[in-house]
N, C-alpha and C. Protein backbone atom coordinates (compact mmCIF):
# COMPACT_ATOMS: atom_id res chain seq x y z
N MET A 1 -33.78 18.54 -50.07
CA MET A 1 -33.68 18.34 -51.69
C MET A 1 -33.44 16.96 -51.82
N SER A 2 -33.29 15.75 -50.92
CA SER A 2 -33.04 14.64 -51.17
C SER A 2 -34.54 14.03 -51.25
N GLU A 3 -34.99 14.48 -50.32
CA GLU A 3 -36.52 13.77 -50.04
C GLU A 3 -37.44 14.26 -51.68
N ILE A 4 -36.99 15.22 -52.48
CA ILE A 4 -37.92 15.34 -53.49
C ILE A 4 -37.35 14.69 -54.58
N LEU A 5 -35.62 14.43 -54.74
CA LEU A 5 -35.09 13.83 -54.99
C LEU A 5 -35.72 12.16 -55.22
N SER A 6 -35.74 11.64 -54.13
CA SER A 6 -36.04 10.49 -53.87
C SER A 6 -37.75 10.36 -54.21
N PHE A 7 -38.62 11.20 -54.08
CA PHE A 7 -40.12 10.93 -54.33
C PHE A 7 -40.18 11.14 -55.95
N THR A 8 -39.30 11.91 -56.74
CA THR A 8 -39.25 12.15 -57.80
C THR A 8 -38.78 10.76 -58.74
N VAL A 9 -37.42 10.30 -58.46
CA VAL A 9 -37.44 8.75 -58.67
C VAL A 9 -38.30 7.83 -58.38
N ALA A 10 -39.12 7.65 -57.13
CA ALA A 10 -40.20 6.71 -57.05
C ALA A 10 -41.56 6.74 -57.90
N PHE A 11 -41.52 8.22 -58.35
CA PHE A 11 -42.68 8.42 -58.87
C PHE A 11 -42.20 7.92 -60.54
N ILE A 12 -41.27 7.96 -61.12
CA ILE A 12 -40.83 7.78 -62.25
C ILE A 12 -40.33 6.26 -62.18
N ALA A 13 -40.33 5.28 -61.20
CA ALA A 13 -40.20 4.11 -61.25
C ALA A 13 -41.77 3.46 -61.05
N VAL A 14 -42.65 4.11 -60.29
CA VAL A 14 -44.15 3.78 -60.81
C VAL A 14 -44.42 3.77 -62.13
N GLN A 15 -44.22 4.80 -62.60
CA GLN A 15 -44.47 4.84 -64.34
C GLN A 15 -43.85 3.77 -65.18
N ILE A 16 -42.91 3.55 -64.62
CA ILE A 16 -41.92 2.56 -65.83
C ILE A 16 -42.37 1.01 -65.18
N PHE A 17 -43.11 0.95 -64.19
CA PHE A 17 -43.72 -0.11 -63.57
C PHE A 17 -44.80 -0.32 -64.52
N LYS A 18 -45.54 0.61 -64.39
CA LYS A 18 -46.83 0.64 -65.00
C LYS A 18 -46.72 0.14 -66.71
N ILE A 19 -45.69 0.94 -67.41
CA ILE A 19 -45.86 0.56 -69.03
C ILE A 19 -45.49 -0.61 -68.85
N ILE A 20 -44.54 -1.25 -68.40
CA ILE A 20 -43.72 -2.60 -68.03
C ILE A 20 -45.00 -3.58 -68.16
N MET A 21 -45.92 -3.41 -67.11
CA MET A 21 -47.01 -4.06 -66.54
C MET A 21 -48.23 -3.93 -67.57
N PHE A 22 -48.33 -3.03 -68.06
CA PHE A 22 -49.93 -2.96 -68.61
C PHE A 22 -49.48 -2.20 -70.24
N LYS A 23 -48.55 -3.05 -70.71
CA LYS A 23 -48.66 -2.61 -72.06
C LYS A 23 -50.12 -2.86 -73.10
N LYS A 24 -50.25 -1.61 -74.11
CA LYS A 24 -51.32 -1.73 -74.72
C LYS A 24 -51.30 -2.94 -75.84
N ASP A 25 -50.44 -3.08 -76.51
CA ASP A 25 -50.35 -4.38 -77.22
C ASP A 25 -50.64 -5.77 -76.52
N LYS A 26 -50.73 -5.70 -75.20
CA LYS A 26 -51.17 -7.19 -74.98
C LYS A 26 -52.26 -7.48 -74.73
N ASP A 27 -52.83 -8.64 -74.90
CA ASP A 27 -54.15 -9.40 -74.84
C ASP A 27 -54.35 -9.62 -73.06
N TYR A 28 -55.29 -8.98 -72.62
CA TYR A 28 -55.41 -9.52 -71.06
C TYR A 28 -56.89 -10.35 -70.94
N SER A 29 -57.48 -10.84 -71.84
CA SER A 29 -58.70 -11.50 -72.28
C SER A 29 -58.40 -13.01 -71.33
N GLY A 30 -57.01 -13.39 -71.18
CA GLY A 30 -56.58 -14.50 -70.78
C GLY A 30 -57.43 -15.03 -69.24
N TYR A 31 -57.70 -13.88 -68.58
CA TYR A 31 -58.05 -14.07 -67.17
C TYR A 31 -59.56 -14.68 -67.05
N ASP A 32 -60.00 -15.55 -66.29
CA ASP A 32 -60.95 -15.87 -66.22
C ASP A 32 -61.75 -15.40 -64.89
N GLU A 33 -63.01 -15.89 -64.91
CA GLU A 33 -64.01 -15.49 -63.70
C GLU A 33 -63.27 -15.70 -62.65
N ARG A 34 -62.53 -17.32 -62.32
CA ARG A 34 -62.03 -17.33 -61.01
C ARG A 34 -61.27 -16.63 -60.45
N GLN A 35 -60.34 -16.24 -61.53
CA GLN A 35 -59.25 -15.07 -61.14
C GLN A 35 -60.07 -13.70 -60.83
N GLU A 36 -61.14 -13.29 -61.42
CA GLU A 36 -61.95 -12.06 -61.05
C GLU A 36 -62.51 -12.66 -59.84
N LEU A 37 -62.88 -13.75 -59.40
CA LEU A 37 -63.41 -13.84 -57.87
C LEU A 37 -62.67 -13.73 -56.98
N ILE A 38 -61.68 -14.38 -57.33
CA ILE A 38 -60.29 -14.18 -56.37
C ILE A 38 -59.79 -12.88 -56.39
N ARG A 39 -59.85 -12.38 -56.65
CA ARG A 39 -59.49 -10.62 -56.86
C ARG A 39 -60.59 -10.00 -56.03
N GLY A 40 -61.66 -10.48 -56.70
CA GLY A 40 -62.77 -9.41 -55.56
C GLY A 40 -62.73 -10.17 -53.92
N ARG A 41 -62.42 -10.96 -53.72
CA ARG A 41 -62.32 -11.94 -52.54
C ARG A 41 -61.21 -11.04 -51.78
N ALA A 42 -60.04 -11.07 -52.54
CA ALA A 42 -58.95 -10.22 -52.06
C ALA A 42 -59.26 -8.93 -51.68
N PHE A 43 -59.84 -8.10 -52.60
CA PHE A 43 -60.26 -7.11 -52.17
C PHE A 43 -60.88 -6.48 -51.17
N ARG A 44 -61.93 -7.66 -50.66
CA ARG A 44 -62.80 -7.54 -49.61
C ARG A 44 -61.67 -7.92 -48.29
N TYR A 45 -61.04 -8.82 -48.62
CA TYR A 45 -60.16 -9.06 -47.20
C TYR A 45 -58.96 -7.98 -47.06
N GLY A 46 -58.62 -7.32 -48.10
CA GLY A 46 -57.93 -6.42 -47.87
C GLY A 46 -58.55 -5.08 -47.16
N PHE A 47 -59.62 -4.65 -47.61
CA PHE A 47 -60.40 -3.95 -47.04
C PHE A 47 -60.52 -4.01 -45.52
N LEU A 48 -61.15 -5.05 -45.17
CA LEU A 48 -61.59 -5.53 -44.09
C LEU A 48 -60.35 -5.70 -42.86
N THR A 49 -58.95 -6.25 -43.48
CA THR A 49 -58.08 -5.70 -42.66
C THR A 49 -57.44 -4.33 -42.61
N LEU A 50 -57.50 -3.49 -43.13
CA LEU A 50 -57.40 -1.87 -43.41
C LEU A 50 -58.25 -1.27 -42.45
N ALA A 51 -59.75 -2.01 -42.33
CA ALA A 51 -60.89 -1.19 -41.64
C ALA A 51 -60.58 -1.77 -39.87
N PHE A 52 -60.46 -2.86 -39.70
CA PHE A 52 -59.77 -3.38 -38.53
C PHE A 52 -58.63 -2.93 -38.10
N SER A 53 -57.63 -2.83 -38.95
CA SER A 53 -56.24 -2.20 -38.30
C SER A 53 -56.18 -0.84 -38.11
N LEU A 54 -57.16 0.02 -38.99
CA LEU A 54 -57.02 1.38 -38.49
C LEU A 54 -58.13 1.28 -37.16
N ALA A 55 -58.98 0.99 -36.99
CA ALA A 55 -59.95 0.92 -35.59
C ALA A 55 -59.11 0.14 -34.55
N ALA A 56 -58.31 -0.77 -34.67
CA ALA A 56 -57.47 -1.46 -33.41
C ALA A 56 -55.70 -0.15 -33.23
N VAL A 57 -55.65 0.33 -34.13
CA VAL A 57 -54.51 1.46 -33.83
C VAL A 57 -55.51 2.63 -32.73
N THR A 58 -56.21 3.04 -33.77
CA THR A 58 -56.96 4.10 -33.08
C THR A 58 -57.46 4.10 -31.41
N LEU A 59 -58.34 2.86 -31.41
CA LEU A 59 -58.38 2.56 -30.04
C LEU A 59 -57.51 2.43 -29.18
N TRP A 60 -56.21 1.68 -29.41
CA TRP A 60 -55.31 1.45 -28.62
C TRP A 60 -54.91 3.04 -28.27
N GLU A 61 -54.12 4.01 -29.35
CA GLU A 61 -53.99 5.37 -28.80
C GLU A 61 -54.83 5.98 -28.12
N GLU A 62 -56.34 5.53 -28.00
CA GLU A 62 -57.07 6.48 -27.05
C GLU A 62 -57.60 5.86 -25.74
N CYS A 63 -57.34 4.29 -25.90
CA CYS A 63 -57.62 3.92 -24.60
C CYS A 63 -56.12 3.74 -23.99
N VAL A 64 -55.48 3.11 -24.29
CA VAL A 64 -54.18 2.44 -23.83
C VAL A 64 -52.90 3.60 -23.50
N GLY A 65 -52.69 4.40 -24.53
CA GLY A 65 -51.95 5.20 -24.55
C GLY A 65 -50.97 5.62 -25.87
N ALA A 66 -50.25 6.34 -26.38
CA ALA A 66 -49.42 6.60 -27.49
C ALA A 66 -48.13 5.32 -27.72
N LEU A 67 -48.41 4.85 -28.77
CA LEU A 67 -47.12 4.01 -29.14
C LEU A 67 -45.76 4.73 -29.54
N PRO A 68 -44.95 4.10 -29.13
CA PRO A 68 -43.31 4.48 -29.81
C PRO A 68 -43.48 5.21 -31.21
N ILE A 69 -44.30 5.22 -31.54
CA ILE A 69 -44.27 5.14 -33.23
C ILE A 69 -45.03 6.50 -33.66
N GLU A 70 -44.78 7.35 -34.57
CA GLU A 70 -45.52 8.61 -34.93
C GLU A 70 -46.79 8.21 -35.59
N PHE A 71 -48.15 8.35 -35.21
CA PHE A 71 -49.53 8.20 -35.96
C PHE A 71 -49.36 7.98 -37.23
N SER A 72 -49.18 8.95 -37.70
CA SER A 72 -49.21 9.14 -39.34
C SER A 72 -48.75 7.80 -39.91
N LEU A 73 -47.27 7.60 -39.26
CA LEU A 73 -46.48 6.36 -39.53
C LEU A 73 -47.47 4.94 -39.30
N LEU A 74 -48.30 4.86 -38.45
CA LEU A 74 -49.30 3.59 -37.82
C LEU A 74 -50.14 3.75 -38.93
N MET A 75 -50.57 4.97 -39.33
CA MET A 75 -51.63 4.83 -40.04
C MET A 75 -51.32 4.19 -41.50
N MET A 76 -50.02 4.74 -41.86
CA MET A 76 -49.31 4.25 -43.20
C MET A 76 -49.27 2.83 -43.31
N ALA A 77 -48.76 2.49 -41.91
CA ALA A 77 -48.56 0.85 -41.93
C ALA A 77 -50.17 -0.07 -41.92
N CYS A 78 -50.92 0.75 -41.60
CA CYS A 78 -52.11 -0.28 -41.77
C CYS A 78 -52.74 -0.08 -43.09
N LEU A 79 -52.42 0.77 -43.79
CA LEU A 79 -52.62 0.92 -45.47
C LEU A 79 -51.85 0.00 -46.03
N MET A 80 -50.75 -0.26 -45.96
CA MET A 80 -49.77 -1.23 -46.23
C MET A 80 -49.84 -2.42 -46.05
N VAL A 81 -50.66 -2.89 -44.83
CA VAL A 81 -50.92 -4.23 -44.60
C VAL A 81 -51.92 -4.20 -45.36
N GLY A 82 -53.00 -3.31 -45.42
CA GLY A 82 -54.04 -3.89 -46.34
C GLY A 82 -53.88 -4.38 -47.80
N CYS A 83 -52.71 -3.44 -48.21
CA CYS A 83 -52.75 -4.02 -49.55
C CYS A 83 -51.80 -4.79 -49.71
N LEU A 84 -50.75 -5.32 -48.80
CA LEU A 84 -50.34 -6.44 -48.29
C LEU A 84 -51.26 -7.84 -48.67
N VAL A 85 -52.34 -7.65 -48.15
CA VAL A 85 -53.26 -8.68 -47.78
C VAL A 85 -53.78 -8.88 -49.25
N VAL A 86 -54.25 -7.84 -50.14
CA VAL A 86 -54.61 -8.13 -51.31
C VAL A 86 -53.68 -8.73 -52.33
N ILE A 87 -52.23 -8.08 -52.21
CA ILE A 87 -51.31 -8.75 -53.07
C ILE A 87 -50.87 -9.68 -52.90
N LEU A 88 -50.80 -10.45 -51.32
CA LEU A 88 -50.25 -11.74 -51.05
C LEU A 88 -51.31 -13.18 -51.54
N TYR A 89 -52.32 -12.42 -51.11
CA TYR A 89 -54.13 -13.47 -51.57
C TYR A 89 -54.00 -13.69 -53.09
N ASP A 90 -53.85 -12.81 -53.64
CA ASP A 90 -53.54 -12.85 -55.12
C ASP A 90 -52.26 -13.63 -55.63
N ILE A 91 -51.26 -13.65 -55.04
CA ILE A 91 -50.42 -14.59 -55.48
C ILE A 91 -50.46 -15.78 -55.02
N TRP A 92 -50.70 -16.18 -53.58
CA TRP A 92 -51.06 -17.46 -53.15
C TRP A 92 -51.91 -17.86 -54.20
N LYS A 93 -53.22 -17.49 -54.49
CA LYS A 93 -54.20 -18.22 -55.01
C LYS A 93 -54.44 -17.87 -56.71
N ASP A 94 -53.21 -18.02 -57.15
CA ASP A 94 -52.75 -17.58 -58.37
C ASP A 94 -53.80 -16.55 -59.49
N ALA A 95 -53.98 -15.53 -58.76
CA ALA A 95 -54.62 -14.32 -59.40
C ALA A 95 -53.71 -13.02 -59.47
N TYR A 96 -52.76 -13.34 -59.46
CA TYR A 96 -51.67 -11.82 -59.68
C TYR A 96 -51.76 -11.32 -60.82
N TRP A 97 -51.30 -10.29 -61.25
CA TRP A 97 -51.25 -9.44 -62.25
C TRP A 97 -50.13 -9.89 -63.23
N GLY A 98 -49.82 -10.84 -63.45
CA GLY A 98 -48.85 -11.29 -64.58
C GLY A 98 -47.34 -11.00 -64.12
N ILE A 99 -47.15 -10.47 -63.00
CA ILE A 99 -45.70 -10.95 -63.03
C ILE A 99 -45.15 -12.38 -63.04
N ARG A 100 -44.00 -12.43 -63.65
CA ARG A 100 -43.41 -14.07 -63.40
C ARG A 100 -44.06 -14.85 -64.38
N GLN A 101 -45.16 -14.13 -65.37
CA GLN A 101 -45.89 -15.19 -65.94
C GLN A 101 -45.72 -15.08 -67.64
N ALA A 102 -45.15 -13.78 -67.97
CA ALA A 102 -44.71 -13.61 -69.55
C ALA A 102 -43.25 -13.46 -69.37
N SER A 103 -42.74 -13.17 -70.66
CA SER A 103 -41.27 -13.12 -70.83
C SER A 103 -41.10 -11.66 -70.58
N GLY A 104 -40.10 -11.03 -69.75
CA GLY A 104 -39.64 -9.79 -69.69
C GLY A 104 -40.63 -9.42 -68.28
N SER A 105 -41.40 -10.11 -67.78
CA SER A 105 -42.10 -9.85 -66.38
C SER A 105 -40.99 -9.47 -65.26
N ASN A 106 -39.54 -10.10 -65.73
CA ASN A 106 -38.77 -10.14 -64.65
C ASN A 106 -38.11 -8.58 -64.25
N ALA A 107 -38.76 -8.02 -65.14
CA ALA A 107 -38.24 -6.48 -64.83
C ALA A 107 -39.08 -5.84 -63.83
N ALA A 108 -39.93 -6.64 -63.51
CA ALA A 108 -41.15 -5.98 -62.69
C ALA A 108 -40.38 -6.08 -61.16
N ILE A 109 -39.60 -7.44 -60.89
CA ILE A 109 -38.88 -7.85 -59.37
C ILE A 109 -37.16 -7.11 -59.44
N VAL A 110 -37.10 -6.94 -60.61
CA VAL A 110 -35.70 -5.85 -60.54
C VAL A 110 -36.21 -4.32 -60.34
N LEU A 111 -37.28 -4.26 -60.69
CA LEU A 111 -37.72 -2.77 -60.50
C LEU A 111 -38.14 -2.65 -58.99
N MET A 112 -38.95 -3.52 -58.36
CA MET A 112 -39.10 -3.70 -56.85
C MET A 112 -37.77 -3.89 -55.90
N VAL A 113 -36.68 -4.31 -56.22
CA VAL A 113 -35.34 -4.47 -56.02
C VAL A 113 -34.76 -3.05 -55.87
N ALA A 114 -34.95 -2.43 -57.29
CA ALA A 114 -34.28 -1.04 -56.88
C ALA A 114 -35.05 -0.13 -56.21
N VAL A 115 -36.44 -0.09 -55.91
CA VAL A 115 -37.00 0.40 -54.93
C VAL A 115 -36.45 0.26 -53.57
N MET A 116 -36.45 -1.14 -53.33
CA MET A 116 -35.95 -1.51 -51.90
C MET A 116 -34.62 -0.87 -51.88
N VAL A 117 -33.64 -0.72 -52.77
CA VAL A 117 -32.19 -0.25 -52.69
C VAL A 117 -32.52 1.35 -52.48
N MET A 118 -33.08 1.85 -52.95
CA MET A 118 -33.32 3.54 -52.86
C MET A 118 -33.61 3.56 -51.06
N GLN A 119 -34.95 2.88 -50.88
CA GLN A 119 -35.69 3.01 -49.44
C GLN A 119 -34.37 3.00 -48.60
N TYR A 120 -33.61 1.73 -48.76
CA TYR A 120 -32.43 1.50 -47.98
C TYR A 120 -31.33 2.72 -47.90
N LEU A 121 -31.12 3.19 -48.80
CA LEU A 121 -30.08 4.15 -48.88
C LEU A 121 -30.67 5.50 -48.37
N SER A 122 -31.92 6.04 -48.20
CA SER A 122 -32.57 6.94 -47.99
C SER A 122 -32.92 6.81 -46.39
N PHE A 123 -33.10 5.42 -45.94
CA PHE A 123 -33.06 5.04 -44.68
C PHE A 123 -31.71 5.28 -43.59
N ARG A 124 -30.67 4.85 -44.50
CA ARG A 124 -29.33 5.27 -43.88
C ARG A 124 -28.78 6.58 -43.79
N GLY A 125 -29.39 7.28 -44.81
CA GLY A 125 -29.27 8.73 -44.71
C GLY A 125 -29.98 9.37 -43.50
N HIS A 126 -31.26 8.87 -43.03
CA HIS A 126 -31.51 9.60 -41.89
C HIS A 126 -31.15 8.78 -40.85
N ALA A 127 -31.05 8.15 -41.02
CA ALA A 127 -29.99 7.37 -39.43
C ALA A 127 -28.68 8.11 -39.20
N SER A 128 -28.19 8.01 -40.30
CA SER A 128 -26.88 8.97 -39.91
C SER A 128 -26.91 10.38 -39.39
N ALA A 129 -28.07 11.03 -39.65
CA ALA A 129 -28.35 12.40 -39.22
C ALA A 129 -29.23 12.29 -38.10
N GLY A 130 -29.71 11.00 -37.36
CA GLY A 130 -29.94 10.75 -36.13
C GLY A 130 -31.46 11.26 -36.15
N ASN A 131 -32.39 11.03 -37.36
CA ASN A 131 -33.79 11.57 -37.61
C ASN A 131 -34.67 10.26 -37.47
N VAL A 132 -34.05 9.21 -37.51
CA VAL A 132 -35.02 7.86 -37.12
C VAL A 132 -35.75 7.74 -35.79
N ILE A 133 -35.19 7.82 -34.76
CA ILE A 133 -35.69 7.65 -33.64
C ILE A 133 -35.22 8.81 -32.71
N VAL A 134 -36.54 9.97 -32.35
CA VAL A 134 -36.40 11.11 -31.78
C VAL A 134 -37.04 10.61 -30.43
N ASP A 135 -36.33 11.34 -29.57
CA ASP A 135 -37.11 11.42 -27.88
C ASP A 135 -37.65 9.91 -28.03
N GLY A 136 -37.25 8.81 -28.17
CA GLY A 136 -37.66 7.64 -28.18
C GLY A 136 -39.17 6.94 -28.89
N ILE A 137 -39.11 7.85 -30.01
CA ILE A 137 -40.30 7.81 -30.76
C ILE A 137 -40.06 7.48 -32.40
N LEU A 138 -40.18 6.76 -33.05
CA LEU A 138 -40.05 6.45 -34.31
C LEU A 138 -41.07 7.11 -35.21
N THR A 139 -39.84 7.97 -35.82
CA THR A 139 -40.36 9.09 -36.58
C THR A 139 -40.97 8.48 -38.22
N TRP A 140 -41.64 9.73 -38.78
CA TRP A 140 -42.21 9.49 -40.25
C TRP A 140 -40.93 9.54 -41.11
N ASP A 141 -39.76 10.45 -40.85
CA ASP A 141 -38.74 10.56 -41.53
C ASP A 141 -38.19 8.98 -41.96
N GLY A 142 -37.79 8.58 -40.69
CA GLY A 142 -37.04 6.89 -41.38
C GLY A 142 -38.09 5.77 -41.14
N GLY A 143 -39.03 6.06 -40.32
CA GLY A 143 -39.91 5.03 -40.47
C GLY A 143 -40.34 4.26 -41.88
N ILE A 144 -40.77 5.62 -42.56
CA ILE A 144 -41.46 5.06 -43.79
C ILE A 144 -40.57 4.66 -44.99
N TYR A 145 -39.68 4.86 -44.54
CA TYR A 145 -38.16 4.18 -45.51
C TYR A 145 -38.44 2.17 -45.41
N LEU A 146 -38.21 2.37 -44.13
CA LEU A 146 -38.24 1.06 -43.44
C LEU A 146 -40.05 0.25 -43.58
N LEU A 147 -40.94 0.90 -43.69
CA LEU A 147 -42.03 0.27 -44.20
C LEU A 147 -42.02 -0.12 -45.52
N ILE A 148 -41.47 0.49 -46.52
CA ILE A 148 -41.76 0.84 -47.89
C ILE A 148 -40.71 -0.65 -48.30
N PHE A 149 -39.32 -0.52 -47.28
CA PHE A 149 -38.56 -1.51 -47.98
C PHE A 149 -39.15 -2.96 -47.49
N ALA A 150 -39.45 -3.10 -46.23
CA ALA A 150 -40.50 -4.32 -45.64
C ALA A 150 -41.67 -4.49 -46.80
N PHE A 151 -42.16 -3.69 -47.26
CA PHE A 151 -43.62 -4.12 -48.23
C PHE A 151 -43.09 -4.67 -49.39
N PHE A 152 -41.77 -4.21 -49.96
CA PHE A 152 -41.29 -4.60 -51.16
C PHE A 152 -41.10 -5.81 -50.76
N ALA A 153 -40.23 -6.41 -49.75
CA ALA A 153 -39.41 -7.23 -49.69
C ALA A 153 -40.19 -8.61 -49.38
N LEU A 154 -41.40 -8.34 -48.71
CA LEU A 154 -42.28 -9.51 -48.43
C LEU A 154 -43.11 -9.51 -49.76
N ILE A 155 -43.22 -8.79 -50.54
CA ILE A 155 -43.89 -9.14 -52.03
C ILE A 155 -43.07 -9.99 -52.58
N ILE A 156 -41.62 -9.94 -52.74
CA ILE A 156 -40.54 -10.38 -53.75
C ILE A 156 -40.10 -11.68 -52.73
N VAL A 157 -40.38 -11.77 -51.66
CA VAL A 157 -40.04 -13.09 -51.17
C VAL A 157 -41.07 -13.90 -51.28
N ASN A 158 -42.53 -13.46 -51.30
CA ASN A 158 -43.74 -14.25 -51.41
C ASN A 158 -43.87 -14.75 -53.33
N LEU A 159 -43.40 -13.81 -53.77
CA LEU A 159 -43.35 -14.28 -55.55
C LEU A 159 -42.43 -15.04 -56.07
N LEU A 160 -41.05 -15.12 -54.93
CA LEU A 160 -40.13 -16.32 -55.17
C LEU A 160 -40.51 -17.36 -54.44
N LEU A 161 -41.06 -17.49 -53.27
CA LEU A 161 -41.69 -18.54 -52.80
C LEU A 161 -42.56 -19.14 -53.67
N LYS A 162 -43.54 -18.47 -54.21
CA LYS A 162 -44.66 -19.18 -54.70
C LYS A 162 -44.07 -19.80 -56.47
N ALA A 163 -43.29 -19.10 -56.77
CA ALA A 163 -42.71 -19.47 -58.19
C ALA A 163 -41.86 -20.88 -57.83
N TRP A 164 -40.85 -21.00 -56.75
CA TRP A 164 -40.31 -22.21 -56.50
C TRP A 164 -41.86 -23.32 -56.06
N VAL A 165 -42.44 -23.31 -55.41
CA VAL A 165 -43.75 -24.04 -54.88
C VAL A 165 -44.32 -24.69 -56.40
N ASP A 166 -44.66 -23.75 -57.24
CA ASP A 166 -44.85 -24.18 -58.61
C ASP A 166 -44.33 -24.76 -59.55
N LYS A 167 -43.05 -24.64 -59.16
CA LYS A 167 -41.94 -25.51 -60.23
C LYS A 167 -41.78 -26.70 -59.82
N ARG A 168 -41.79 -27.03 -58.54
CA ARG A 168 -41.90 -28.20 -57.78
C ARG A 168 -43.31 -28.83 -57.85
N GLY A 169 -44.56 -28.22 -58.26
CA GLY A 169 -45.46 -28.88 -58.78
C GLY A 169 -46.36 -28.74 -57.58
N GLY A 170 -46.05 -28.60 -56.58
CA GLY A 170 -47.02 -28.36 -55.50
C GLY A 170 -47.62 -26.97 -55.20
N SER A 171 -48.77 -26.81 -56.27
CA SER A 171 -49.44 -25.45 -56.28
C SER A 171 -50.26 -25.18 -54.91
N ALA A 172 -50.49 -24.12 -54.66
CA ALA A 172 -51.28 -23.70 -53.36
C ALA A 172 -52.39 -23.88 -52.96
N GLU A 173 -53.19 -24.41 -54.09
CA GLU A 173 -54.57 -24.30 -54.14
C GLU A 173 -54.62 -26.07 -53.75
């Protein structure tokens, strides 16, 4: 039952995030061709990272042997690494989607922190039940919460670092 509740809350959080970030009354024509080019390059790098990491994990599993992590969790980690490449490249090249650029956009960071707290609490529940590591293998039940927590933590840390670098006047470009 707690998984269904966690999924429902996460789904609602994503919908709230979409409403906050993509309001219909905003004008997004301020993005220039440079940002579009950077985003295209970020998507290419993210896709190549995803393809390479999936191939590497599959080859490792076939040639060397099983890692002490469930295969489905490894596949999800590869997917999230590809997404992180896109997001972090966009953040550091100033082509990200308006987070911390307009008033009220701090709500996106608050929402990410709320998702992180939910993931941590879910992880603690599975850890206390002993479902995280079973027979020496990191399972999907506990590992996915750690993976999502790390995903959002990396995004928030990079957003805050980028804001700090920009405030000091030393843009990364």
